[in-house]
Protein backbone atom coordinates (compact mmCIF):
# COMPACT_ATOMS: atom_id res chain seq x y z
CA UNK A 1 119.60 78.32 101.06
CA UNK A 2 122.12 81.34 100.49
CA UNK A 3 121.74 84.48 98.35
CA UNK A 4 124.01 82.96 95.40
CA UNK A 5 122.17 79.90 95.00
CA UNK A 6 119.20 81.97 94.97
CA UNK A 7 120.36 84.64 92.33
CA UNK A 8 121.38 81.63 90.04
CA UNK A 9 117.86 79.66 90.24
CA UNK A 10 115.80 82.59 89.49
CA UNK A 11 118.20 84.27 86.82
CA UNK A 12 118.79 87.73 88.88
CA UNK A 13 121.03 90.39 87.10
CA UNK A 14 121.68 93.95 87.91
CA UNK A 15 119.11 95.91 86.00
CA UNK A 16 119.79 99.51 87.52
CA UNK A 17 121.82 101.21 90.52
CA UNK A 18 120.99 104.24 92.60
CA UNK A 19 121.08 105.42 96.31
CA UNK A 20 118.48 103.52 97.85
CA UNK A 21 118.91 101.76 101.22
CA UNK A 22 118.30 98.12 102.01
CA UNK A 23 115.18 99.11 104.17
CA UNK A 24 113.53 100.64 101.00
CA UNK A 25 114.45 97.72 98.88
CA UNK A 26 112.87 95.04 101.22
CA UNK A 27 109.77 97.27 100.60
CA UNK A 28 110.61 96.89 96.78
CA UNK A 29 110.68 93.14 96.98
CA UNK A 30 107.43 92.75 98.47
CA UNK A 31 105.65 95.50 96.26
CA UNK A 32 107.39 93.58 93.03
CA UNK A 33 106.28 90.45 94.23
CA UNK A 34 103.07 89.82 96.80
CA UNK A 35 101.84 93.33 96.33
CA UNK A 36 102.18 93.40 92.19
CA UNK A 37 100.23 89.67 92.40
CA UNK A 38 97.53 90.95 94.46
CA UNK A 39 97.07 94.09 92.06
CA UNK A 40 97.87 92.87 88.66
CA UNK A 41 98.07 89.18 88.53
CA UNK A 42 101.86 88.98 88.05
CA UNK A 43 104.94 88.83 90.42
CA UNK A 44 108.75 89.07 89.73
CA UNK A 45 108.83 85.63 91.96
CA UNK A 46 112.31 86.74 93.26
CA UNK A 47 114.54 90.02 93.67
CA UNK A 48 117.51 90.93 95.19
CA UNK A 49 119.95 93.51 96.12
CA UNK A 50 123.80 94.24 96.51
CA UNK A 51 124.43 97.29 98.68
CA UNK A 52 126.71 99.28 100.22
CA UNK A 53 126.51 102.29 102.75
CA UNK A 54 122.93 103.83 100.52
CA UNK A 55 124.00 102.69 97.12
CA UNK A 56 122.64 99.56 95.56
CA UNK A 57 122.21 97.30 92.89
CA UNK A 58 118.71 95.75 92.02
CA UNK A 59 118.65 92.24 90.68
CA UNK A 60 115.77 91.44 88.71
CA UNK A 61 114.92 88.65 86.12
CA UNK A 62 113.62 91.00 83.69
CA UNK A 63 112.91 88.37 80.82
CA UNK A 64 110.64 86.63 83.19
CA UNK A 65 108.13 89.95 83.85
CA UNK A 66 108.20 90.71 80.29
CA UNK A 67 106.83 87.11 79.34
CA UNK A 68 104.15 87.60 82.10
CA UNK A 69 103.51 91.56 80.68
CA UNK A 70 102.53 89.82 77.16
CA UNK A 71 100.12 87.32 78.36
CA UNK A 72 98.46 89.77 81.03
CA UNK A 73 97.85 92.27 77.95
CA UNK A 74 96.16 89.76 76.29
CA UNK A 75 93.60 89.81 78.67
CA UNK A 76 93.39 93.62 80.19
CA UNK A 77 92.94 96.87 78.62
CA UNK A 78 95.24 99.33 79.27
CA UNK A 79 92.76 101.79 80.77
CA UNK A 80 91.84 99.19 83.44
CA UNK A 81 95.59 99.21 84.47
CA UNK A 82 95.85 102.66 84.65
CA UNK A 83 93.01 103.19 86.77
CA UNK A 84 94.08 100.59 89.11
CA UNK A 85 97.55 102.33 89.40
CA UNK A 86 95.58 105.73 89.77
CA UNK A 87 93.48 104.33 92.75
CA UNK A 88 96.84 102.75 94.48
CA UNK A 89 98.82 106.04 94.18
CA UNK A 90 95.14 108.10 95.31
CA UNK A 91 95.17 105.94 98.38
CA UNK A 92 99.13 106.35 98.89
CA UNK A 93 98.83 109.85 98.32
CA UNK A 94 96.37 110.36 101.27
CA UNK A 95 98.33 107.93 103.58
CA UNK A 96 101.79 110.22 102.89
CA UNK A 97 99.78 113.20 103.22
CA UNK A 98 98.42 111.97 106.69
CA UNK A 99 101.42 110.86 107.90
CA UNK A 100 102.20 111.88 112.21
CA UNK A 101 104.36 113.68 113.19
CA UNK A 102 105.83 111.05 115.68
CA UNK A 103 108.51 109.32 113.40
CA UNK A 104 107.59 105.89 115.10
CA UNK A 105 104.19 106.45 113.99
CA UNK A 106 105.41 108.07 110.51
CA UNK A 107 107.23 104.73 109.81
CA UNK A 108 104.89 102.09 110.88
CA UNK A 109 102.43 104.16 108.73
CA UNK A 110 104.96 104.12 105.64
CA UNK A 111 105.45 100.15 105.92
CA UNK A 112 101.74 99.64 105.26
CA UNK A 113 101.34 101.73 102.41
CA UNK A 114 104.97 101.38 101.02
CA UNK A 115 105.20 98.05 99.35
CA UNK A 116 101.65 98.76 97.76
CA UNK A 117 103.17 101.87 96.08
CA UNK A 118 106.09 99.61 94.35
CA UNK A 119 103.47 97.62 92.86
CA UNK A 120 101.91 100.33 90.96
CA UNK A 121 105.61 101.49 89.80
CA UNK A 122 106.36 97.83 89.27
CA UNK A 123 103.63 97.89 86.79
CA UNK A 124 104.51 101.18 85.13
CA UNK A 125 108.09 99.56 84.81
CA UNK A 126 106.96 96.18 83.17
CA UNK A 127 104.99 98.69 80.59
CA UNK A 128 108.12 100.08 79.76
CA UNK A 129 110.18 97.35 79.57
CA UNK A 130 107.83 95.58 77.21
CA UNK A 131 107.64 98.94 74.98
CA UNK A 132 111.63 99.08 74.73
CA UNK A 133 111.97 101.60 72.32
CA UNK A 134 108.94 101.34 70.39
CA UNK A 135 106.25 103.94 70.06
CA UNK A 136 103.48 101.51 70.25
CA UNK A 137 103.08 97.78 70.80
CA UNK A 138 100.09 95.56 70.47
CA UNK A 139 97.06 97.01 71.94
CA UNK A 140 99.08 99.93 73.34
CA UNK A 141 98.63 102.50 70.85
CA UNK A 142 100.37 105.89 70.51
CA UNK A 143 97.66 107.61 72.36
CA UNK A 144 97.98 105.05 75.15
CA UNK A 145 101.55 105.30 75.36
CA UNK A 146 101.53 109.21 75.91
CA UNK A 147 99.19 108.62 78.65
CA UNK A 148 101.01 106.27 80.26
CA UNK A 149 104.31 108.42 79.75
CA UNK A 150 102.70 110.95 81.91
CA UNK A 151 101.41 108.91 84.64
CA UNK A 152 104.44 107.04 85.20
CA UNK A 153 106.26 110.59 85.76
CA UNK A 154 103.40 111.18 88.37
CA UNK A 155 103.99 107.81 89.97
CA UNK A 156 108.05 108.23 89.93
CA UNK A 157 107.82 111.71 91.75
CA UNK A 158 106.37 109.88 94.75
CA UNK A 159 108.87 108.08 96.35
CA UNK A 160 111.81 110.82 96.62
CA UNK A 161 108.82 112.88 98.99
CA UNK A 162 108.72 109.32 101.01
CA UNK A 163 112.81 108.60 100.79
CA UNK A 164 113.37 111.89 102.91
CA UNK A 165 110.62 111.23 105.36
CA UNK A 166 111.67 108.10 106.18
CA UNK A 167 115.52 109.63 106.17
CA UNK A 168 114.43 112.18 108.71
CA UNK A 169 112.58 109.83 110.90
CA UNK A 170 115.59 107.53 111.02
CA UNK A 171 117.66 110.35 112.19
CA UNK A 172 115.27 111.81 114.58
CA UNK A 173 115.00 108.33 116.19
CA UNK A 174 118.75 107.59 116.39
CA UNK A 175 119.56 110.84 118.03
CA UNK A 176 116.72 109.55 120.85
CA UNK A 177 117.96 106.34 121.27
CA UNK A 178 121.74 107.51 121.06
CA UNK A 179 123.04 105.90 117.77
CA UNK A 180 123.53 106.59 114.08
CA UNK A 181 120.16 107.02 112.86
CA UNK A 182 121.07 105.87 109.08
CA UNK A 183 121.49 102.04 111.08
CA UNK A 184 118.25 101.80 110.76
CA UNK A 185 117.79 101.88 106.96
CA UNK A 186 119.61 98.71 106.76
CA UNK A 187 117.02 96.46 108.55
CA UNK A 188 114.62 94.77 106.69
CA UNK A 189 110.35 95.62 106.49
CA UNK A 190 109.95 93.31 109.13
CA UNK A 191 113.30 93.92 111.25
CA UNK A 192 111.75 97.94 111.20
CA UNK A 193 108.29 96.34 112.25
CA UNK A 194 109.64 94.50 115.71
CA UNK A 195 111.89 97.80 116.19
CA UNK A 196 108.77 99.73 115.87
CA UNK A 197 106.89 98.03 118.22
CA UNK A 198 109.80 97.56 120.95
CA UNK A 199 111.65 100.55 120.52
CA UNK A 200 114.93 99.43 121.25
CA UNK A 201 118.22 97.95 119.34
CA UNK A 202 120.69 95.81 121.45
CA UNK A 203 124.59 95.71 120.72
CA UNK A 204 124.32 92.78 118.43
CA UNK A 205 121.73 93.94 116.53
CA UNK A 206 123.60 97.66 116.12
CA UNK A 207 126.73 95.40 115.13
CA UNK A 208 124.69 93.53 112.43
CA UNK A 209 123.43 96.88 110.82
CA UNK A 210 127.14 98.12 110.64
CA UNK A 211 128.02 95.41 108.83
CA UNK A 212 125.16 95.50 106.46
CA UNK A 213 126.23 99.16 106.01
CA UNK A 214 129.84 98.15 104.95
CA UNK A 215 128.31 95.99 102.12
CA UNK A 216 125.40 93.19 101.84
CA UNK A 217 124.00 91.45 99.57
CA UNK A 218 119.57 90.46 99.80
CA UNK A 219 117.33 88.26 97.98
CA UNK A 220 113.15 87.65 98.58
CA UNK A 221 111.36 84.93 97.15
CA UNK A 222 107.64 85.15 97.15
CA UNK A 223 107.24 81.49 97.96
CA UNK A 224 107.55 81.01 101.50
CA UNK A 225 107.85 84.57 101.87
CA UNK A 226 111.69 84.17 102.32
CA UNK A 227 114.20 86.97 103.01
CA UNK A 228 118.06 86.20 103.38
CA UNK A 229 120.54 88.54 104.15
CA UNK A 230 124.15 87.98 104.01
CA UNK A 231 127.42 90.72 104.71
CA UNK A 232 131.19 89.67 104.36
CA UNK A 233 133.18 88.08 101.35
CA UNK A 234 130.17 86.60 99.68
CA UNK A 235 128.90 90.22 98.49
CA UNK A 236 131.87 90.75 96.49
CA UNK A 237 131.87 87.13 95.36
CA UNK A 238 128.35 87.54 93.95
CA UNK A 239 129.20 90.88 92.45
CA UNK A 240 132.29 89.58 90.59
CA UNK A 241 129.91 86.66 89.44
CA UNK A 242 127.15 89.40 87.91
CA UNK A 243 129.99 91.62 86.56
CA UNK A 244 130.22 91.41 82.50
CA UNK A 245 133.66 91.11 81.25
CA UNK A 246 134.14 94.62 79.03
CA UNK A 247 136.89 95.30 76.71
CA UNK A 248 135.16 97.39 73.72
CA UNK A 249 135.85 101.08 73.48
CA UNK A 250 132.59 101.30 71.75
CA UNK A 251 128.76 100.85 73.12
CA UNK A 252 125.63 100.52 71.13
CA UNK A 253 122.50 101.90 72.44
CA UNK A 254 118.61 103.24 71.55
CA UNK A 255 118.25 106.41 70.62
CA UNK A 256 115.64 108.77 72.50
CA UNK A 257 116.36 112.09 71.60
CA UNK A 258 118.64 112.44 68.24
CA UNK A 259 121.66 114.79 67.98
CA UNK A 260 125.65 114.34 68.53
CA UNK A 261 127.82 115.75 71.42
CA UNK A 262 131.52 115.73 72.42
CA UNK A 263 132.71 116.07 76.17
CA UNK A 264 133.56 114.74 79.27
CA UNK A 265 131.92 112.10 81.10
CA UNK A 266 130.22 112.49 84.42
CA UNK A 267 129.40 109.34 86.18
CA UNK A 268 126.32 109.43 88.03
CA UNK A 269 126.76 105.97 89.50
CA UNK A 270 130.59 106.43 91.04
CA UNK A 271 130.54 110.34 91.23
CA UNK A 272 126.91 111.40 92.59
CA UNK A 273 128.50 113.41 95.38
CA UNK A 274 129.39 115.99 93.46
CA UNK A 275 127.98 118.17 90.70
CA UNK A 276 129.32 117.81 86.92
CA UNK A 277 130.27 120.89 85.28
CA UNK A 278 127.91 122.73 82.58
CA UNK A 279 128.18 120.39 79.15
CA UNK A 280 129.34 117.51 80.92
CA UNK A 281 128.09 114.05 79.38
CA UNK A 282 125.98 112.30 82.01
CA UNK A 283 126.32 108.32 82.45
CA UNK A 284 124.05 106.60 84.65
CA UNK A 285 122.10 103.20 85.08
CA UNK A 286 118.83 104.93 84.51
CA UNK A 287 117.60 108.41 85.90
CA UNK A 288 114.96 109.94 87.94
CA UNK A 289 113.34 113.40 88.72
CA UNK A 290 116.05 114.10 91.34
CA UNK A 291 118.49 113.85 88.48
CA UNK A 292 116.73 116.42 86.66
CA UNK A 293 118.46 119.46 87.88
CA UNK A 294 122.23 117.74 86.67
CA UNK A 295 120.74 116.54 83.80
CA UNK A 296 119.50 119.86 82.41
CA UNK A 297 122.80 121.11 82.21
CA UNK A 298 124.12 118.16 80.33
CA UNK A 299 125.32 117.83 76.40
CA UNK A 300 123.88 114.47 76.26
CA UNK A 301 122.79 111.64 78.23
CA UNK A 302 123.49 108.04 78.16
CA UNK A 303 121.94 105.62 80.40
CA UNK A 304 122.24 101.65 80.74
CA UNK A 305 118.66 101.08 80.96
CA UNK A 306 115.23 102.79 79.70
CA UNK A 307 112.66 102.92 77.09
CA UNK A 308 110.16 105.08 75.20
CA UNK A 309 108.76 105.64 78.94
CA UNK A 310 111.43 106.07 80.68
CA UNK A 311 112.06 109.36 82.72
CA UNK A 312 115.62 109.57 80.97
CA UNK A 313 113.34 109.47 77.48
CA UNK A 314 110.85 111.49 78.25
CA UNK A 315 113.56 114.04 79.98
CA UNK A 316 115.54 114.46 77.08
CA UNK A 317 112.64 115.12 74.28
CA UNK A 318 112.06 117.90 76.94
CA UNK A 319 115.53 119.54 77.14
CA UNK A 320 116.12 118.48 73.75
CA UNK A 321 119.61 116.69 74.22
CA UNK A 322 121.03 113.74 72.99
CA UNK A 323 120.18 110.73 74.89
CA UNK A 324 121.04 107.18 73.94
CA UNK A 325 119.59 104.05 76.61
CA UNK A 326 119.62 100.54 76.85
CA UNK A 327 123.56 100.56 76.70
CA UNK A 328 123.69 98.18 79.35
CA UNK A 329 127.56 98.37 80.14
CA UNK A 330 127.69 102.67 80.16
CA UNK A 331 128.57 102.78 83.43
CA UNK A 332 130.98 100.65 83.94
CA UNK A 333 132.83 101.51 80.64
CA UNK A 334 132.56 105.11 81.06
CA UNK A 335 134.66 106.53 83.81
CA UNK A 336 134.41 110.27 84.98
CA UNK A 337 136.59 112.62 83.08
CA UNK A 338 136.81 110.21 79.87
CA UNK A 339 136.40 111.77 76.38
CA UNK A 340 133.74 110.67 74.25
CA UNK A 341 131.69 111.18 71.37
CA UNK A 342 127.95 110.26 71.28
CA UNK A 343 126.05 110.29 67.97
CA UNK A 344 122.37 109.36 68.77
CA UNK A 345 121.36 109.27 65.10
CA UNK A 346 122.81 105.90 65.03
CA UNK A 347 122.88 104.98 68.51
CA UNK A 348 126.96 104.98 68.75
CA UNK A 349 129.32 106.14 71.91
CA UNK A 350 133.04 106.08 71.28
CA UNK A 351 135.46 107.05 73.48
CA UNK A 352 138.31 109.37 72.10
């Protein structure tokens, strides 16, 4: 079975893009399926990733998980869910604090707890998607949502710490063994597990990792614990299949914080490597805590996804800058340097 067939049969779509390597997405895949089911009784069933270098687009079926979260909340109180999330985070933080200095042992420890961490993050994201742009919904009262927002921010701040450790460890090991350490970040979780035991990579294995760095598609199926990784022309074929056709000069979305702004776009998806000028309008798929220094100088914020619990929503309210979320195609329609008008009273973005 190939990646394209799985993506079509499972209804996987591009939901977010950011700077994450294949290895971490392999951990995410297990966190959002097996570990999510073990702790919360639900699962995405299948996940996917389109990647090149360390940049990736995550593939999920959000419609499926929204149905699951609705059923879950019929039989579980949010307070119990929060307690489980906090318990997971406490365990993961203790494991992180106790990471050995030896890079091999540190990575081995991360393999043990990182997928479980992603189960907690996945559950937070599920609640966010269920809420959408509503301040309360069903048994999720405004008070509960406020607590969830604070807890989600704590959960989201954890993975940048682990990312740095992974990058540091792979760089050190690469130097010790005489190859580019970043190639290790294109291993799957099982491949990393084998490598950490054998502590060697052959020429054929290095060539495979180099090919993945140039572009890959990965899918994971919970049933059978199947992971498929492909490179070559299939990557562009699948990307084209998943890319929507856009021919509009106007976008609509959900307002996270009201206001109006006019200025030049800085698209974080395509131009993350240089800082935007003060007053730029930041356009991205979704934000994370690492983006905060950039957004502080922005005149407005536009994201493709997000809800009341999202980092973008919380941050825009804190900074009091106009913010429109859930635009779906903003990063594809708006290029760095475009002049646009943002009306976060009506949720409309127009090219000038």
